[in-house]
PDB file of N, CA and C in Angstrom:
ATOM      1  N   PRO A   1      97.793 149.742-192.957  1.00  0.00           N
ATOM      2  CA  PRO A   1      98.066 148.591-193.800  1.00  0.00           C
ATOM      3  C   PRO A   1      96.898 147.601-193.779  1.00  0.00           C
ATOM      4  N   ASP A   2      96.748 146.971-194.889  1.00  0.00           N
ATOM      5  CA  ASP A   2      95.673 145.996-195.041  1.00  0.00           C
ATOM      6  C   ASP A   2      96.172 144.635-194.563  1.00  0.00           C
ATOM      7  N   GLN A   3      95.559 144.115-193.523  1.00  0.00           N
ATOM      8  CA  GLN A   3      96.031 142.859-192.933  1.00  0.00           C
ATOM      9  C   GLN A   3      94.926 141.804-192.924  1.00  0.00           C
ATOM     10  N   ARG A   4      94.214 141.711-194.018  1.00  0.00           N
ATOM     11  CA  ARG A   4      93.105 140.756-194.092  1.00  0.00           C
ATOM     12  C   ARG A   4      93.584 139.319-193.993  1.00  0.00           C
ATOM     13  N   HIS A   5      94.699 139.021-194.625  1.00  0.00           N
ATOM     14  CA  HIS A   5      95.210 137.650-194.604  1.00  0.00           C
ATOM     15  C   HIS A   5      95.533 137.218-193.169  1.00  0.00           C
ATOM     16  N   GLY A   6      96.201 138.066-192.422  1.00  0.00           N
ATOM     17  CA  GLY A   6      96.532 137.752-191.031  1.00  0.00           C
ATOM     18  C   GLY A   6      95.295 137.632-190.159  1.00  0.00           C
ATOM     19  N   ASN A   7      94.307 138.512-190.404  1.00  0.00           N
ATOM     20  CA  ASN A   7      93.066 138.446-189.638  1.00  0.00           C
ATOM     21  C   ASN A   7      92.322 137.142-189.906  1.00  0.00           C
ATOM     22  N   LYS A   8      92.330 136.675-191.148  1.00  0.00           N
ATOM     23  CA  LYS A   8      91.670 135.407-191.477  1.00  0.00           C
ATOM     24  C   LYS A   8      92.354 134.246-190.763  1.00  0.00           C
ATOM     25  N   ILE A   9      93.666 134.287-190.702  1.00  0.00           N
ATOM     26  CA  ILE A   9      94.409 133.223-190.012  1.00  0.00           C
ATOM     27  C   ILE A   9      94.077 133.238-188.521  1.00  0.00           C
ATOM     28  N   ILE A  10      94.027 134.420-187.933  1.00  0.00           N
ATOM     29  CA  ILE A  10      93.706 134.521-186.505  1.00  0.00           C
ATOM     30  C   ILE A  10      92.287 134.030-186.244  1.00  0.00           C
ATOM     31  N   LEU A  11      91.337 134.403-187.081  1.00  0.00           N
ATOM     32  CA  LEU A  11      89.961 133.932-186.913  1.00  0.00           C
ATOM     33  C   LEU A  11      89.868 132.418-187.056  1.00  0.00           C
ATOM     34  N   ALA A  12      90.624 131.857-187.980  1.00  0.00           N
ATOM     35  CA  ALA A  12      90.625 130.402-188.149  1.00  0.00           C
ATOM     36  C   ALA A  12      91.191 129.721-186.906  1.00  0.00           C
ATOM     37  N   LEU A  13      92.250 130.275-186.340  1.00  0.00           N
ATOM     38  CA  LEU A  13      92.824 129.705-185.118  1.00  0.00           C
ATOM     39  C   LEU A  13      91.858 129.802-183.938  1.00  0.00           C
ATOM     40  N   VAL A  14      91.154 130.910-183.827  1.00  0.00           N
ATOM     41  CA  VAL A  14      90.173 131.072-182.752  1.00  0.00           C
ATOM     42  C   VAL A  14      89.036 130.067-182.924  1.00  0.00           C
ATOM     43  N   ALA A  15      88.547 129.908-184.150  1.00  0.00           N
ATOM     44  CA  ALA A  15      87.476 128.937-184.404  1.00  0.00           C
ATOM     45  C   ALA A  15      87.940 127.519-184.096  1.00  0.00           C
ATOM     46  N   TYR A  16      89.177 127.207-184.450  1.00  0.00           N
ATOM     47  CA  TYR A  16      89.736 125.887-184.155  1.00  0.00           C
ATOM     48  C   TYR A  16      89.825 125.665-182.647  1.00  0.00           C
ATOM     49  N   ASN A  17      90.267 126.676-181.908  1.00  0.00           N
ATOM     50  CA  ASN A  17      90.367 126.556-180.453  1.00  0.00           C
ATOM     51  C   ASN A  17      89.000 126.368-179.806  1.00  0.00           C
ATOM     52  N   ILE A  18      87.993 127.065-180.298  1.00  0.00           N
ATOM     53  CA  ILE A  18      86.638 126.905-179.763  1.00  0.00           C
ATOM     54  C   ILE A  18      86.134 125.493-180.029  1.00  0.00           C
ATOM     55  N   ALA A  19      86.342 124.997-181.243  1.00  0.00           N
ATOM     56  CA  ALA A  19      85.914 123.633-181.572  1.00  0.00           C
ATOM     57  C   ALA A  19      86.655 122.608-180.722  1.00  0.00           C
ATOM     58  N   LEU A  20      87.933 122.826-180.501  1.00  0.00           N
ATOM     59  CA  LEU A  20      88.722 121.918-179.668  1.00  0.00           C
ATOM     60  C   LEU A  20      88.236 121.937-178.220  1.00  0.00           C
ATOM     61  N   PHE A  21      87.890 123.104-177.714  1.00  0.00           N
ATOM     62  CA  PHE A  21      87.362 123.211-176.355  1.00  0.00           C
ATOM     63  C   PHE A  21      86.051 122.445-176.220  1.00  0.00           C
ATOM     64  N   VAL A  22      85.149 122.627-177.175  1.00  0.00           N
ATOM     65  CA  VAL A  22      83.855 121.934-177.130  1.00  0.00           C
ATOM     66  C   VAL A  22      84.054 120.427-177.234  1.00  0.00           C
ATOM     67  N   ALA A  23      84.931 119.987-178.123  1.00  0.00           N
ATOM     68  CA  ALA A  23      85.188 118.550-178.274  1.00  0.00           C
ATOM     69  C   ALA A  23      85.782 117.959-176.999  1.00  0.00           C
ATOM     70  N   THR A  24      86.684 118.671-176.356  1.00  0.00           N
ATOM     71  CA  THR A  24      87.283 118.192-175.111  1.00  0.00           C
ATOM     72  C   THR A  24      86.240 118.115-174.004  1.00  0.00           C
ATOM     73  N   LYS A  25      85.385 119.109-173.927  1.00  0.00           N
ATOM     74  CA  LYS A  25      84.309 119.115-172.926  1.00  0.00           C
ATOM     75  C   LYS A  25      83.387 117.921-173.132  1.00  0.00           C
ATOM     76  N   LEU A  26      82.974 117.679-174.376  1.00  0.00           N
ATOM     77  CA  LEU A  26      82.096 116.545-174.667  1.00  0.00           C
ATOM     78  C   LEU A  26      82.783 115.221-174.364  1.00  0.00           C
ATOM     79  N   PHE A  27      84.073 115.125-174.648  1.00  0.00           N
ATOM     80  CA  PHE A  27      84.818 113.908-174.346  1.00  0.00           C
ATOM     81  C   PHE A  27      84.840 113.643-172.848  1.00  0.00           C
ATOM     82  N   HIS A  28      85.143 114.667-172.051  1.00  0.00           N
ATOM     83  CA  HIS A  28      85.209 114.487-170.602  1.00  0.00           C
ATOM     84  C   HIS A  28      83.843 114.114-170.032  1.00  0.00           C
ATOM     85  N   VAL A  29      82.790 114.745-170.513  1.00  0.00           N
ATOM     86  CA  VAL A  29      81.444 114.421-170.036  1.00  0.00           C
ATOM     87  C   VAL A  29      81.083 112.986-170.396  1.00  0.00           C
ATOM     88  N   SER A  30      81.413 112.558-171.619  1.00  0.00           N
ATOM     89  CA  SER A  30      81.056 111.196-172.035  1.00  0.00           C
ATOM     90  C   SER A  30      81.871 110.145-171.290  1.00  0.00           C
ATOM     91  N   VAL A  31      83.146 110.398-171.043  1.00  0.00           N
ATOM     92  CA  VAL A  31      83.966 109.435-170.293  1.00  0.00           C
ATOM     93  C   VAL A  31      83.468 109.339-168.854  1.00  0.00           C
ATOM     94  N   ASN A  32      83.136 110.475-168.240  1.00  0.00           N
ATOM     95  CA  ASN A  32      82.604 110.442-166.877  1.00  0.00           C
ATOM     96  C   ASN A  32      81.282 109.685-166.823  1.00  0.00           C
ATOM     97  N   ALA A  33      80.416 109.890-167.811  1.00  0.00           N
ATOM     98  CA  ALA A  33      79.132 109.185-167.838  1.00  0.00           C
ATOM     99  C   ALA A  33      79.339 107.684-168.012  1.00  0.00           C
ATOM    100  N   ARG A  34      80.278 107.290-168.861  1.00  0.00           N
ATOM    101  CA  ARG A  34      80.560 105.867-169.063  1.00  0.00           C
ATOM    102  C   ARG A  34      81.089 105.248-167.780  1.00  0.00           C
ATOM    103  N   ARG A  35      81.974 105.945-167.101  1.00  0.00           N
ATOM    104  CA  ARG A  35      82.518 105.420-165.842  1.00  0.00           C
ATOM    105  C   ARG A  35      81.443 105.354-164.765  1.00  0.00           C
ATOM    106  N   ASP A  36      80.506 106.305-164.767  1.00  0.00           N
ATOM    107  CA  ASP A  36      79.395 106.248-163.816  1.00  0.00           C
ATOM    108  C   ASP A  36      78.516 105.034-164.082  1.00  0.00           C
ATOM    109  N   ARG A  37      78.230 104.761-165.367  1.00  0.00           N
ATOM    110  CA  ARG A  37      77.412 103.584-165.704  1.00  0.00           C
ATOM    111  C   ARG A  37      78.097 102.306-165.250  1.00  0.00           C
ATOM    112  N   ILE A  38      79.398 102.203-165.493  1.00  0.00           N
ATOM    113  CA  ILE A  38      80.145 101.009-165.087  1.00  0.00           C
ATOM    114  C   ILE A  38      80.170 100.908-163.563  1.00  0.00           C
ATOM    115  N   GLY A  39      80.436 102.019-162.895  1.00  0.00           N
ATOM    116  CA  GLY A  39      80.535 102.011-161.438  1.00  0.00           C
ATOM    117  C   GLY A  39      79.225 101.716-160.748  1.00  0.00           C
ATOM    118  N   ASN A  40      78.115 102.210-161.304  1.00  0.00           N
ATOM    119  CA  ASN A  40      76.810 101.975-160.689  1.00  0.00           C
ATOM    120  C   ASN A  40      76.299 100.563-160.941  1.00  0.00           C
ATOM    121  N   ALA A  41      76.804  99.890-161.962  1.00  0.00           N
ATOM    122  CA  ALA A  41      76.357  98.539-162.280  1.00  0.00           C
ATOM    123  C   ALA A  41      77.071  97.483-161.442  1.00  0.00           C
ATOM    124  N   VAL A  42      78.162  97.864-160.794  1.00  0.00           N
ATOM    125  CA  VAL A  42      78.974  96.916-160.031  1.00  0.00           C
ATOM    126  C   VAL A  42      78.499  96.900-158.577  1.00  0.00           C
ATOM    127  N   PRO A  43      78.337  95.713-157.985  1.00  0.00           N
ATOM    128  CA  PRO A  43      77.966  95.646-156.561  1.00  0.00           C
ATOM    129  C   PRO A  43      79.040  96.270-155.669  1.00  0.00           C
ATOM    130  N   HIS A  44      78.625  96.688-154.490  1.00  0.00           N
ATOM    131  CA  HIS A  44      79.521  97.391-153.566  1.00  0.00           C
ATOM    132  C   HIS A  44      80.735  96.541-153.193  1.00  0.00           C
ATOM    133  N   GLU A  45      80.538  95.249-152.970  1.00  0.00           N
ATOM    134  CA  GLU A  45      81.650  94.379-152.582  1.00  0.00           C
ATOM    135  C   GLU A  45      82.680  94.273-153.704  1.00  0.00           C
ATOM    136  N   GLN A  46      82.192  94.154-154.931  1.00  0.00           N
ATOM    137  CA  GLN A  46      83.106  94.052-156.074  1.00  0.00           C
ATOM    138  C   GLN A  46      83.841  95.378-156.289  1.00  0.00           C
ATOM    139  N   LYS A  47      83.166  96.484-156.013  1.00  0.00           N
ATOM    140  CA  LYS A  47      83.789  97.801-156.140  1.00  0.00           C
ATOM    141  C   LYS A  47      84.930  97.957-155.132  1.00  0.00           C
ATOM    142  N   GLU A  48      84.701  97.506-153.900  1.00  0.00           N
ATOM    143  CA  GLU A  48      85.757  97.560-152.885  1.00  0.00           C
ATOM    144  C   GLU A  48      86.938  96.688-153.283  1.00  0.00           C
ATOM    145  N   ASP A  49      86.651  95.517-153.849  1.00  0.00           N
ATOM    146  CA  ASP A  49      87.714  94.622-154.305  1.00  0.00           C
ATOM    147  C   ASP A  49      88.522  95.278-155.428  1.00  0.00           C
ATOM    148  N   TYR A  50      87.832  95.939-156.356  1.00  0.00           N
ATOM    149  CA  TYR A  50      88.524  96.632-157.451  1.00  0.00           C
ATOM    150  C   TYR A  50      89.450  97.714-156.898  1.00  0.00           C
ATOM    151  N   LEU A  51      88.932  98.503-155.962  1.00  0.00           N
ATOM    152  CA  LEU A  51      89.727  99.611-155.420  1.00  0.00           C
ATOM    153  C   LEU A  51      90.955  99.124-154.665  1.00  0.00           C
ATOM    154  N   SER A  52      90.852  97.952-154.031  1.00  0.00           N
ATOM    155  CA  SER A  52      91.990  97.474-153.248  1.00  0.00           C
ATOM    156  C   SER A  52      92.991  96.673-154.075  1.00  0.00           C
ATOM    157  N   THR A  53      92.574  96.126-155.220  1.00  0.00           N
ATOM    158  CA  THR A  53      93.473  95.257-155.983  1.00  0.00           C
ATOM    159  C   THR A  53      93.877  95.797-157.348  1.00  0.00           C
ATOM    160  N   THR A  54      93.308  96.895-157.786  1.00  0.00           N
ATOM    161  CA  THR A  54      93.583  97.366-159.144  1.00  0.00           C
ATOM    162  C   THR A  54      95.011  97.887-159.288  1.00  0.00           C
ATOM    163  N   LYS A  55      95.537  97.705-160.469  1.00  0.00           N
ATOM    164  CA  LYS A  55      96.849  98.268-160.793  1.00  0.00           C
ATOM    165  C   LYS A  55      96.706  99.517-161.655  1.00  0.00           C
ATOM    166  N   HIS A  56      95.460  99.896-161.959  1.00  0.00           N
ATOM    167  CA  HIS A  56      95.224 101.121-162.713  1.00  0.00           C
ATOM    168  C   HIS A  56      95.622 102.310-161.855  1.00  0.00           C
ATOM    169  N   ARG A  57      96.232 103.298-162.496  1.00  0.00           N
ATOM    170  CA  ARG A  57      96.683 104.480-161.776  1.00  0.00           C
ATOM    171  C   ARG A  57      96.187 105.727-162.480  1.00  0.00           C
ATOM    172  N   GLY A  58      96.001 106.786-161.713  1.00  0.00           N
ATOM    173  CA  GLY A  58      95.636 108.074-162.287  1.00  0.00           C
ATOM    174  C   GLY A  58      94.292 108.041-162.976  1.00  0.00           C
ATOM    175  N   ASN A  59      94.236 108.578-164.191  1.00  0.00           N
ATOM    176  CA  ASN A  59      92.960 108.690-164.884  1.00  0.00           C
ATOM    177  C   ASN A  59      92.499 107.379-165.513  1.00  0.00           C
ATOM    178  N   LYS A  60      93.236 106.304-165.339  1.00  0.00           N
ATOM    179  CA  LYS A  60      92.812 104.997-165.839  1.00  0.00           C
ATOM    180  C   LYS A  60      91.887 104.290-164.851  1.00  0.00           C
ATOM    181  N   ARG A  61      91.850 104.764-163.602  1.00  0.00           N
ATOM    182  CA  ARG A  61      90.992 104.148-162.593  1.00  0.00           C
ATOM    183  C   ARG A  61      89.531 104.459-162.886  1.00  0.00           C
ATOM    184  N   LEU A  62      88.651 103.532-162.528  1.00  0.00           N
ATOM    185  CA  LEU A  62      87.230 103.736-162.769  1.00  0.00           C
ATOM    186  C   LEU A  62      86.618 104.753-161.811  1.00  0.00           C
ATOM    187  N   ASP A  63      87.276 105.038-160.689  1.00  0.00           N
ATOM    188  CA  ASP A  63      86.734 106.020-159.759  1.00  0.00           C
ATOM    189  C   ASP A  63      87.273 107.431-160.020  1.00  0.00           C
ATOM    190  N   PHE A  64      88.089 107.603-161.050  1.00  0.00           N
ATOM    191  CA  PHE A  64      88.606 108.924-161.418  1.00  0.00           C
ATOM    192  C   PHE A  64      87.571 109.642-162.273  1.00  0.00           C
ATOM    193  N   ARG A  65      87.351 110.917-162.006  1.00  0.00           N
ATOM    194  CA  ARG A  65      86.445 111.732-162.815  1.00  0.00           C
ATOM    195  C   ARG A  65      87.205 112.935-163.345  1.00  0.00           C
ATOM    196  N   PHE A  66      87.021 113.201-164.631  1.00  0.00           N
ATOM    197  CA  PHE A  66      87.631 114.387-165.226  1.00  0.00           C
ATOM    198  C   PHE A  66      86.864 115.619-164.759  1.00  0.00           C
ATOM    199  N   PRO A  67      87.552 116.640-164.290  1.00  0.00           N
ATOM    200  CA  PRO A  67      86.847 117.881-163.936  1.00  0.00           C
ATOM    201  C   PRO A  67      86.447 118.609-165.214  1.00  0.00           C
ATOM    202  N   HIS A  68      85.262 119.155-165.212  1.00  0.00           N
ATOM    203  CA  HIS A  68      84.813 119.912-166.391  1.00  0.00           C
ATOM    204  C   HIS A  68      83.878 121.003-165.979  1.00  0.00           C
TER     205      HIS A  68
END
């Protein structure tokens, strides 16, 4: 049987997944770089104060890094 239509749909889904993977990777790298810039610009004493007083939790904290 000729299944060209189904094959085109599968190829489109694979291409979409690849693009989504690349976009997610770039997002994680850029967020980590932004957090590094912010973290490196802050003096050590202020960084300790942030870590002890912040109400940010999980991935909202400035010391959190996305694995990639």
